[in-house]
Structures are given as C-alpha cells and as structure tokens.
C-alpha atoms as a PDB file:
ATOM      1  CA  MET A   1      -0.555 -15.285  -8.978  1.00  0.00           C
ATOM      2  CA  GLY A   2      -1.827 -13.040  -6.276  1.00  0.00           C
ATOM      3  CA  MET A   3       0.638 -14.617  -3.528  1.00  0.00           C
ATOM      4  CA  PRO A   4       3.768 -13.763  -2.339  1.00  0.00           C
ATOM      5  CA  SER A   5       6.723 -15.194  -3.602  1.00  0.00           C
ATOM      6  CA  LEU A   6      10.650 -15.425  -3.640  1.00  0.00           C
ATOM      7  CA  ALA A   7      12.558 -15.973  -6.726  1.00  0.00           C
ATOM      8  CA  GLY A   8      16.017 -14.363  -7.817  1.00  0.00           C
ATOM      9  CA  SER A   9      18.291 -12.140  -5.679  1.00  0.00           C
ATOM     10  CA  GLY A  10      16.806  -9.126  -3.676  1.00  0.00           C
ATOM     11  CA  GLN A  11      17.728  -5.221  -3.041  1.00  0.00           C
ATOM     12  CA  HIS A  12      19.483  -3.904   0.134  1.00  0.00           C
ATOM     13  CA  ILE A  13      15.318  -3.042   1.235  1.00  0.00           C
ATOM     14  CA  ASP A  14      14.750  -6.461   1.041  1.00  0.00           C
ATOM     15  CA  TYR A  15      16.224  -8.207   4.402  1.00  0.00           C
ATOM     16  CA  GLY A  16      13.475  -8.573   6.890  1.00  0.00           C
ATOM     17  CA  ARG A  17      10.867  -6.426   8.485  1.00  0.00           C
ATOM     18  CA  ASN A  18      12.432  -5.802  11.904  1.00  0.00           C
ATOM     19  CA  ASP A  19      15.409  -4.126   9.812  1.00  0.00           C
ATOM     20  CA  VAL A  20      15.627  -0.061   9.625  1.00  0.00           C
ATOM     21  CA  LEU A  21      14.822  -0.541   5.956  1.00  0.00           C
ATOM     22  CA  TRP A  22      11.805  -1.916   6.147  1.00  0.00           C
ATOM     23  CA  LEU A  23      10.549   0.737   8.620  1.00  0.00           C
ATOM     24  CA  SER A  24      12.343   3.312   6.102  1.00  0.00           C
ATOM     25  CA  ALA A  25       9.612   1.989   3.042  1.00  0.00           C
ATOM     26  CA  LEU A  26       6.580   2.124   5.354  1.00  0.00           C
ATOM     27  CA  ARG A  27       7.388   5.829   6.762  1.00  0.00           C
ATOM     28  CA  SER A  28       8.126   6.889   2.947  1.00  0.00           C
ATOM     29  CA  LEU A  29       4.973   5.408   1.717  1.00  0.00           C
ATOM     30  CA  ASP A  30       3.340   6.884   4.590  1.00  0.00           C
ATOM     31  CA  ALA A  31       4.688  10.016   3.997  1.00  0.00           C
ATOM     32  CA  ARG A  32       3.502  10.201   0.021  1.00  0.00           C
ATOM     33  CA  LEU A  33       0.527   9.039   0.947  1.00  0.00           C
ATOM     34  CA  GLN A  34      -0.183  11.896   3.285  1.00  0.00           C
ATOM     35  CA  GLU A  35       0.988  14.532   0.609  1.00  0.00           C
ATOM     36  CA  CYS A  36      -1.500  12.916  -1.375  1.00  0.00           C
ATOM     37  CA  GLY A  37      -4.140  14.185   1.214  1.00  0.00           C
ATOM     38  CA  LEU A  38      -5.104  10.750   1.983  1.00  0.00           C
ATOM     39  CA  GLU A  39      -5.593   9.879   6.054  1.00  0.00           C
ATOM     40  CA  THR A  40      -3.382   6.897   6.826  1.00  0.00           C
ATOM     41  CA  SER A  41      -2.367   4.366   9.912  1.00  0.00           C
ATOM     42  CA  LEU A  42       0.801   2.577   9.581  1.00  0.00           C
ATOM     43  CA  ASP A  43       1.111  -0.708  11.136  1.00  0.00           C
ATOM     44  CA  GLY A  44       4.872  -1.495  11.494  1.00  0.00           C
ATOM     45  CA  GLN A  45       4.384  -5.124  13.333  1.00  0.00           C
ATOM     46  CA  ILE A  46       2.874  -6.401   9.584  1.00  0.00           C
ATOM     47  CA  GLY A  47       4.320  -4.063   7.465  1.00  0.00           C
ATOM     48  CA  ALA A  48       1.043  -2.390   6.248  1.00  0.00           C
ATOM     49  CA  ILE A  49      -0.772   0.847   5.676  1.00  0.00           C
ATOM     50  CA  ASP A  50      -4.338   1.731   5.742  1.00  0.00           C
ATOM     51  CA  ALA A  51      -4.846   4.571   3.360  1.00  0.00           C
ATOM     52  CA  THR A  52      -8.604   6.571   3.522  1.00  0.00           C
ATOM     53  CA  LEU A  53      -9.348   9.140   1.228  1.00  0.00           C
ATOM     54  CA  ARG A  54     -12.251  11.202   3.177  1.00  0.00           C
ATOM     55  CA  ASP A  55     -15.457  13.083   1.680  1.00  0.00           C
ATOM     56  CA  PRO A  56     -14.301  16.848   1.545  1.00  0.00           C
ATOM     57  CA  SER A  57     -18.029  17.941   1.116  1.00  0.00           C
ATOM     58  CA  SER A  58     -18.974  16.180   4.563  1.00  0.00           C
ATOM     59  CA  ILE A  59     -18.890  18.412   7.744  1.00  0.00           C
ATOM     60  CA  TRP A  60     -17.536  15.172   9.498  1.00  0.00           C
ATOM     61  CA  GLY A  61     -15.243  13.962   7.007  1.00  0.00           C
ATOM     62  CA  VAL A  62     -16.763  10.358   6.420  1.00  0.00           C
ATOM     63  CA  PRO A  63     -14.786   7.815   4.739  1.00  0.00           C
ATOM     64  CA  LEU A  64     -15.579   7.274   1.079  1.00  0.00           C
ATOM     65  CA  ARG A  65     -12.981   4.222   0.607  1.00  0.00           C
ATOM     66  CA  THR A  66      -9.807   2.852   2.657  1.00  0.00           C
ATOM     67  CA  GLN A  67      -7.345   0.861   1.233  1.00  0.00           C
ATOM     68  CA  ARG A  68      -4.738  -1.494   2.716  1.00  0.00           C
ATOM     69  CA  THR A  69      -1.308  -1.829   1.130  1.00  0.00           C
ATOM     70  CA  VAL A  70       1.384  -4.669   2.551  1.00  0.00           C
ATOM     71  CA  LEU A  71       5.203  -5.070   2.341  1.00  0.00           C
ATOM     72  CA  ARG A  72       5.682  -8.723   1.038  1.00  0.00           C
ATOM     73  CA  PRO A  73       8.189 -10.610  -0.768  1.00  0.00           C
ATOM     74  CA  HIS A  74       7.293 -10.912  -4.572  1.00  0.00           C
ATOM     75  CA  ARG A  75      10.294 -11.952  -7.372  1.00  0.00           C
ATOM     76  CA  GLY A  76      12.828 -11.895  -4.831  1.00  0.00           C
ATOM     77  CA  ARG A  77      12.322  -8.214  -3.629  1.00  0.00           C
ATOM     78  CA  LEU A  78       9.967  -6.705  -1.082  1.00  0.00           C
ATOM     79  CA  TRP A  79       6.799  -5.038  -3.082  1.00  0.00           C
ATOM     80  CA  TRP A  80       3.870  -3.076  -2.286  1.00  0.00           C
ATOM     81  CA  TRP A  81       0.833  -5.258  -2.299  1.00  0.00           C
ATOM     82  CA  LEU A  82      -3.056  -4.061  -2.672  1.00  0.00           C
ATOM     83  CA  ARG A  83      -5.367  -6.263  -0.185  1.00  0.00           C
ATOM     84  CA  ALA A  84      -8.182  -6.650  -1.858  1.00  0.00           C
ATOM     85  CA  SER A  85     -11.862  -5.657   0.057  1.00  0.00           C
ATOM     86  CA  HIS A  86     -14.220  -8.411   0.479  1.00  0.00           C
ATOM     87  CA  GLU A  87     -16.490  -6.248  -1.400  1.00  0.00           C
ATOM     88  CA  GLU A  88     -15.020  -7.343  -4.523  1.00  0.00           C
ATOM     89  CA  PRO A  89     -14.930 -11.085  -4.928  1.00  0.00           C
ATOM     90  CA  ALA A  90     -13.802 -11.150  -8.344  1.00  0.00           C
ATOM     91  CA  VAL A  91     -10.345  -9.486  -7.599  1.00  0.00           C
ATOM     92  CA  PRO A  92      -7.292 -11.846  -5.967  1.00  0.00           C
ATOM     93  CA  PHE A  93      -6.971 -11.322  -2.185  1.00  0.00           C
ATOM     94  CA  MET A  94      -3.599  -9.754  -2.816  1.00  0.00           C
ATOM     95  CA  SER A  95      -2.136  -8.278  -5.760  1.00  0.00           C
ATOM     96  CA  PRO A  96       1.354  -6.784  -6.476  1.00  0.00           C
ATOM     97  CA  LEU A  97       1.456  -2.689  -6.842  1.00  0.00           C
ATOM     98  CA  THR A  98       5.248  -1.593  -7.083  1.00  0.00           C
ATOM     99  CA  PRO A  99       8.477  -2.560  -5.584  1.00  0.00           C
ATOM    100  CA  ALA A 100       8.845  -1.209  -2.391  1.00  0.00           C
ATOM    101  CA  VAL A 101      11.802   1.231  -3.063  1.00  0.00           C
ATOM    102  CA  ASN A 102       9.035   3.137  -5.444  1.00  0.00           C
ATOM    103  CA  SER A 103       6.837   4.748  -3.027  1.00  0.00           C
ATOM    104  CA  SER A 104       5.567   7.627  -4.737  1.00  0.00           C
ATOM    105  CA  ALA A 105       4.774   5.568  -7.802  1.00  0.00           C
ATOM    106  CA  ALA A 106       2.936   3.145  -5.192  1.00  0.00           C
ATOM    107  CA  ALA A 107       1.112   6.756  -3.425  1.00  0.00           C
ATOM    108  CA  ARG A 108      -0.080   8.066  -6.490  1.00  0.00           C
ATOM    109  CA  ARG A 109      -1.738   4.117  -8.178  1.00  0.00           C
ATOM    110  CA  ILE A 110      -2.972   3.826  -4.512  1.00  0.00           C
ATOM    111  CA  LEU A 111      -4.992   7.191  -4.918  1.00  0.00           C
ATOM    112  CA  GLY A 112      -6.008   6.343  -7.976  1.00  0.00           C
ATOM    113  CA  VAL A 113      -7.523   3.136  -6.670  1.00  0.00           C
ATOM    114  CA  LEU A 114      -9.143   5.293  -3.699  1.00  0.00           C
ATOM    115  CA  THR A 115     -10.612   8.247  -6.398  1.00  0.00           C
ATOM    116  CA  PRO A 116     -14.074   7.665  -7.445  1.00  0.00           C
ATOM    117  CA  ARG A 117     -14.244   7.761 -11.037  1.00  0.00           C
ATOM    118  CA  ALA A 118     -16.846   9.909 -12.988  1.00  0.00           C
ATOM    119  CA  ASN A 119     -19.473   7.981 -15.149  1.00  0.00           C
END
C-alpha cells in the first residue's frame, strides 16, 4: 500500500516515461490544473507536477499550499500519485489518485486537496 506496483496489462499510455504519451499525460494534467486556477511547475524528467494554490487576498499571492503529483505505475497502468507532505506523517508517502488518462478527475481531486476547508 502506498507503493507503485505492476500487475495486469496496461493501456496505450503506459509504455515508458520517454514516450510521447507520457509527456502528453503530463501536459494534459498541467493544462487541467491551470484551468482550475492553480500555478504549476512541470518536471518531465521525473514525471511530476507541482500545483500551487495562491492566496487571492494577498497582494503578493502568497502560496497557501503546494501538492506534488507524479506519474507512476499502479496495477499495470500509469496512474497519478499524490505525494504526501512531510507535515503529514500519518499519511502514506504516496497514494494513488487516478489513472493517468483521467486528467480532469485528477485535477479536480488535487484542487480539493489544496483548497482550505471551512470549519
């Protein structure tokens, strides 16, 4: 649990990090996150995207929170994984989020993780 694993057959997007489809998945999630109003930083070498929610009430746009999401294998397919912050020791280091082909759902869930909850 919390660790990437391979099992079963994958989809066309699941064939290596240097593949055009790997980069396509990264760019797709990057675009969806930006559409949600998040600032992003994409790292194609390791298959990671850092999404940052900024405080709109701050003149300088102070970051409220940043979430790293990475492409890793899970159950024979590429999935988006959430990387837990070091501030949350009770949470597994990485948790599977959605299959890589579902960038819209991944973006919505990442936005949900970053958005402050009202008490």
